[in-house]
C-alpha cells in the first residue's frame, strides 16, 4: 500500500498574480489536482475584490475550473460592524463589552471594521504600550487620548 497525503497549497494576494504564476498553478492542477487519481490537492486561494481587477472571474481563470474538474467555493469576508468588533475586542481582552466599548469605538473608526487592520492596530497599540496589561488592576488598560 502507498501513503498518499493531501498536499495543501495556500496562495494569498492572487489579485496580483501574473500570467506565469497563473500558468504554473494551472499546470499543477492539471497534473496533480482533481484530474489525477494519485495526488490529492487542496488549493486555498485568497484575493481582494476590487484591487487590480481581482474578482471571481480571476479565480475561475486561475484554476481553469472547467478543465480540471475541480470544485470551488467563494467565501466573501466583509468588514465587521461596530457591535461585532466590540465583541471581538472584549473577547480578546477578556473584559466585558461595557468596559471595552470606548476602545472598540476608536478602533472601529480607525479601521472601518477591516479584520486585518483591527488585528494590526491592536498589535501596534500593544507594542507601543498604549494597550497594556496592568498587574495591579489585573486587566488590560489603555489611554484613549494617546490612541486617538
C-alpha atoms as a PDB file:
ATOM      1  CA  UNK A   1       0.000   0.000   0.000  1.00  0.00           C
ATOM      2  CA  UNK A   2       1.103   3.543  -0.629  1.00  0.00           C
ATOM      3  CA  UNK A   3       0.628   6.557   1.572  1.00  0.00           C
ATOM      4  CA  UNK A   4      -0.911   9.465  -0.277  1.00  0.00           C
ATOM      5  CA  UNK A   5      -1.007  12.578   1.867  1.00  0.00           C
ATOM      6  CA  UNK A   6      -3.059  15.524   0.774  1.00  0.00           C
ATOM      7  CA  UNK A   7      -0.990  18.453  -0.458  1.00  0.00           C
ATOM      8  CA  UNK A   8      -2.281  21.801   0.782  1.00  0.00           C
ATOM      9  CA  UNK A   9      -1.236  24.901  -1.132  1.00  0.00           C
ATOM     10  CA  UNK A  10      -2.185  28.349   0.197  1.00  0.00           C
ATOM     11  CA  UNK A  11      -1.795  31.318  -2.141  1.00  0.00           C
ATOM     12  CA  UNK A  12      -2.506  34.842  -0.911  1.00  0.00           C
ATOM     13  CA  UNK A  13      -2.926  38.144  -2.768  1.00  0.00           C
ATOM     14  CA  UNK A  14      -3.949  36.451  -6.011  1.00  0.00           C
ATOM     15  CA  UNK A  15      -5.198  39.782  -7.314  1.00  0.00           C
ATOM     16  CA  UNK A  16      -1.521  40.486  -8.039  1.00  0.00           C
ATOM     17  CA  UNK A  17      -0.817  37.146  -9.766  1.00  0.00           C
ATOM     18  CA  UNK A  18       0.983  37.458 -13.089  1.00  0.00           C
ATOM     19  CA  UNK A  19       0.298  35.256 -16.107  1.00  0.00           C
ATOM     20  CA  UNK A  20       3.318  33.000 -15.418  1.00  0.00           C
ATOM     21  CA  UNK A  21       2.061  32.290 -11.889  1.00  0.00           C
ATOM     22  CA  UNK A  22      -1.441  31.572 -13.158  1.00  0.00           C
ATOM     23  CA  UNK A  23       0.017  29.194 -15.772  1.00  0.00           C
ATOM     24  CA  UNK A  24       2.074  27.419 -13.071  1.00  0.00           C
ATOM     25  CA  UNK A  25      -0.965  26.871 -10.841  1.00  0.00           C
ATOM     26  CA  UNK A  26      -2.999  25.685 -13.824  1.00  0.00           C
ATOM     27  CA  UNK A  27      -0.262  23.163 -14.673  1.00  0.00           C
ATOM     28  CA  UNK A  28      -0.147  21.986 -11.066  1.00  0.00           C
ATOM     29  CA  UNK A  29      -3.900  21.491 -11.058  1.00  0.00           C
ATOM     30  CA  UNK A  30      -3.806  19.616 -14.348  1.00  0.00           C
ATOM     31  CA  UNK A  31      -1.020  17.243 -13.301  1.00  0.00           C
ATOM     32  CA  UNK A  32      -1.658  16.814  -9.594  1.00  0.00           C
ATOM     33  CA  UNK A  33      -5.116  18.084  -8.881  1.00  0.00           C
ATOM     34  CA  UNK A  34      -8.556  16.502  -9.024  1.00  0.00           C
ATOM     35  CA  UNK A  35      -7.932  15.143 -12.526  1.00  0.00           C
ATOM     36  CA  UNK A  36      -5.108  12.965 -11.183  1.00  0.00           C
ATOM     37  CA  UNK A  37      -6.030   9.779  -9.320  1.00  0.00           C
ATOM     38  CA  UNK A  38      -2.673   9.602  -7.496  1.00  0.00           C
ATOM     39  CA  UNK A  39      -2.500  13.002  -5.804  1.00  0.00           C
ATOM     40  CA  UNK A  40      -4.886  14.833  -3.546  1.00  0.00           C
ATOM     41  CA  UNK A  41      -4.513  18.592  -3.719  1.00  0.00           C
ATOM     42  CA  UNK A  42      -6.297  21.260  -1.701  1.00  0.00           C
ATOM     43  CA  UNK A  43      -5.734  24.758  -3.053  1.00  0.00           C
ATOM     44  CA  UNK A  44      -6.733  27.755  -0.948  1.00  0.00           C
ATOM     45  CA  UNK A  45      -6.548  30.992  -2.862  1.00  0.00           C
ATOM     46  CA  UNK A  46      -7.198  34.419  -1.370  1.00  0.00           C
ATOM     47  CA  UNK A  47      -7.697  37.677  -3.219  1.00  0.00           C
ATOM     48  CA  UNK A  48      -9.084  41.124  -2.550  1.00  0.00           C
ATOM     49  CA  UNK A  49     -12.094  42.150  -4.545  1.00  0.00           C
ATOM     50  CA  UNK A  50     -11.708  45.366  -6.471  1.00  0.00           C
ATOM     51  CA  UNK A  51      -7.901  45.528  -6.368  1.00  0.00           C
ATOM     52  CA  UNK A  52      -6.221  45.326  -9.753  1.00  0.00           C
ATOM     53  CA  UNK A  53      -9.279  43.635 -11.255  1.00  0.00           C
ATOM     54  CA  UNK A  54      -9.318  40.839  -8.644  1.00  0.00           C
ATOM     55  CA  UNK A  55     -12.653  39.087  -8.902  1.00  0.00           C
ATOM     56  CA  UNK A  56     -14.409  35.763  -9.112  1.00  0.00           C
ATOM     57  CA  UNK A  57     -13.530  35.624 -12.822  1.00  0.00           C
ATOM     58  CA  UNK A  58      -9.825  35.852 -11.876  1.00  0.00           C
ATOM     59  CA  UNK A  59     -10.164  32.836  -9.612  1.00  0.00           C
ATOM     60  CA  UNK A  60     -12.022  30.785 -12.231  1.00  0.00           C
ATOM     61  CA  UNK A  61      -9.420  31.749 -14.803  1.00  0.00           C
ATOM     62  CA  UNK A  62      -6.610  30.908 -12.403  1.00  0.00           C
ATOM     63  CA  UNK A  63      -7.907  27.463 -11.620  1.00  0.00           C
ATOM     64  CA  UNK A  64      -9.308  26.784 -15.077  1.00  0.00           C
ATOM     65  CA  UNK A  65     -12.141  25.038 -13.220  1.00  0.00           C
ATOM     66  CA  UNK A  66     -13.829  23.514 -16.263  1.00  0.00           C
ATOM     67  CA  UNK A  67     -10.660  21.762 -17.466  1.00  0.00           C
ATOM     68  CA  UNK A  68      -9.516  20.228 -14.179  1.00  0.00           C
ATOM     69  CA  UNK A  69     -12.905  19.103 -12.912  1.00  0.00           C
ATOM     70  CA  UNK A  70     -12.351  20.878  -9.588  1.00  0.00           C
ATOM     71  CA  UNK A  71     -14.902  22.160  -7.138  1.00  0.00           C
ATOM     72  CA  UNK A  72     -14.637  25.756  -5.993  1.00  0.00           C
ATOM     73  CA  UNK A  73     -16.337  27.747  -3.284  1.00  0.00           C
ATOM     74  CA  UNK A  74     -16.236  31.519  -2.911  1.00  0.00           C
ATOM     75  CA  UNK A  75     -16.349  32.870   0.632  1.00  0.00           C
ATOM     76  CA  UNK A  76     -16.677  36.623   0.903  1.00  0.00           C
ATOM     77  CA  UNK A  77     -15.369  38.182   4.080  1.00  0.00           C
ATOM     78  CA  UNK A  78     -16.766  41.606   4.867  1.00  0.00           C
ATOM     79  CA  UNK A  79     -15.716  44.191   7.410  1.00  0.00           C
ATOM     80  CA  UNK A  80     -17.167  43.906  10.901  1.00  0.00           C
ATOM     81  CA  UNK A  81     -19.831  46.233  12.169  1.00  0.00           C
ATOM     82  CA  UNK A  82     -19.101  48.124  15.389  1.00  0.00           C
ATOM     83  CA  UNK A  83     -21.055  45.716  17.609  1.00  0.00           C
ATOM     84  CA  UNK A  84     -19.170  42.695  16.247  1.00  0.00           C
ATOM     85  CA  UNK A  85     -15.856  44.495  16.667  1.00  0.00           C
ATOM     86  CA  UNK A  86     -16.757  45.319  20.284  1.00  0.00           C
ATOM     87  CA  UNK A  87     -17.464  41.638  20.913  1.00  0.00           C
ATOM     88  CA  UNK A  88     -14.125  40.685  19.335  1.00  0.00           C
ATOM     89  CA  UNK A  89     -12.127  43.226  21.372  1.00  0.00           C
ATOM     90  CA  UNK A  90     -13.995  42.206  24.516  1.00  0.00           C
ATOM     91  CA  UNK A  91     -13.155  38.533  23.991  1.00  0.00           C
ATOM     92  CA  UNK A  92      -9.509  39.230  23.135  1.00  0.00           C
ATOM     93  CA  UNK A  93      -9.025  41.339  26.273  1.00  0.00           C
ATOM     94  CA  UNK A  94     -11.227  39.097  28.489  1.00  0.00           C
ATOM     95  CA  UNK A  95     -13.283  42.106  29.549  1.00  0.00           C
ATOM     96  CA  UNK A  96     -16.984  42.846  29.318  1.00  0.00           C
ATOM     97  CA  UNK A  97     -18.184  44.749  26.238  1.00  0.00           C
ATOM     98  CA  UNK A  98     -19.250  47.575  28.571  1.00  0.00           C
ATOM     99  CA  UNK A  99     -15.592  48.089  29.541  1.00  0.00           C
ATOM    100  CA  UNK A 100     -14.191  47.831  26.008  1.00  0.00           C
ATOM    101  CA  UNK A 101     -16.848  49.906  24.228  1.00  0.00           C
ATOM    102  CA  UNK A 102     -14.810  53.136  24.157  1.00  0.00           C
ATOM    103  CA  UNK A 103     -11.645  51.389  22.895  1.00  0.00           C
ATOM    104  CA  UNK A 104     -13.655  49.418  20.363  1.00  0.00           C
ATOM    105  CA  UNK A 105     -15.240  52.600  19.048  1.00  0.00           C
ATOM    106  CA  UNK A 106     -11.814  54.167  18.475  1.00  0.00           C
ATOM    107  CA  UNK A 107     -10.552  51.012  16.768  1.00  0.00           C
ATOM    108  CA  UNK A 108     -13.668  50.841  14.591  1.00  0.00           C
ATOM    109  CA  UNK A 109     -13.301  54.439  13.413  1.00  0.00           C
ATOM    110  CA  UNK A 110      -9.613  53.913  12.627  1.00  0.00           C
ATOM    111  CA  UNK A 111     -10.097  50.596  10.761  1.00  0.00           C
ATOM    112  CA  UNK A 112     -13.692  50.732   9.480  1.00  0.00           C
ATOM    113  CA  UNK A 113     -14.006  47.177  10.831  1.00  0.00           C
ATOM    114  CA  UNK A 114     -11.474  45.558   8.485  1.00  0.00           C
ATOM    115  CA  UNK A 115     -10.339  42.426  10.428  1.00  0.00           C
ATOM    116  CA  UNK A 116      -6.752  42.659   9.157  1.00  0.00           C
ATOM    117  CA  UNK A 117      -6.475  46.334  10.128  1.00  0.00           C
ATOM    118  CA  UNK A 118      -8.119  45.679  13.523  1.00  0.00           C
ATOM    119  CA  UNK A 119      -5.594  42.950  14.316  1.00  0.00           C
ATOM    120  CA  UNK A 120      -2.631  45.012  13.163  1.00  0.00           C
ATOM    121  CA  UNK A 121      -3.789  48.084  15.077  1.00  0.00           C
ATOM    122  CA  UNK A 122      -4.254  46.103  18.298  1.00  0.00           C
ATOM    123  CA  UNK A 123      -0.781  44.571  17.919  1.00  0.00           C
ATOM    124  CA  UNK A 124       0.666  48.020  17.264  1.00  0.00           C
ATOM    125  CA  UNK A 125      -1.117  49.504  20.291  1.00  0.00           C
ATOM    126  CA  UNK A 126       0.287  46.727  22.455  1.00  0.00           C
ATOM    127  CA  UNK A 127       3.836  47.085  21.090  1.00  0.00           C
ATOM    128  CA  UNK A 128       3.704  50.850  21.640  1.00  0.00           C
ATOM    129  CA  UNK A 129       2.483  50.392  25.215  1.00  0.00           C
ATOM    130  CA  UNK A 130      -0.852  52.089  24.523  1.00  0.00           C
ATOM    131  CA  UNK A 131      -2.711  48.830  25.227  1.00  0.00           C
ATOM    132  CA  UNK A 132      -1.060  47.032  28.122  1.00  0.00           C
ATOM    133  CA  UNK A 133      -1.780  44.569  30.914  1.00  0.00           C
ATOM    134  CA  UNK A 134      -1.972  46.045  34.394  1.00  0.00           C
ATOM    135  CA  UNK A 135      -0.777  43.687  37.110  1.00  0.00           C
ATOM    136  CA  UNK A 136      -2.184  45.985  39.799  1.00  0.00           C
ATOM    137  CA  UNK A 137      -5.666  46.072  38.238  1.00  0.00           C
ATOM    138  CA  UNK A 138      -5.389  42.510  36.850  1.00  0.00           C
ATOM    139  CA  UNK A 139      -6.784  43.533  33.472  1.00  0.00           C
ATOM    140  CA  UNK A 140      -5.884  45.335  30.263  1.00  0.00           C
ATOM    141  CA  UNK A 141      -5.779  49.123  30.255  1.00  0.00           C
ATOM    142  CA  UNK A 142      -5.335  51.808  27.617  1.00  0.00           C
ATOM    143  CA  UNK A 143      -5.072  55.558  27.254  1.00  0.00           C
ATOM    144  CA  UNK A 144      -7.793  56.715  24.881  1.00  0.00           C
ATOM    145  CA  UNK A 145      -6.312  60.199  24.467  1.00  0.00           C
ATOM    146  CA  UNK A 146      -2.989  58.810  23.225  1.00  0.00           C
ATOM    147  CA  UNK A 147      -4.685  56.290  20.930  1.00  0.00           C
ATOM    148  CA  UNK A 148      -6.838  58.949  19.281  1.00  0.00           C
END
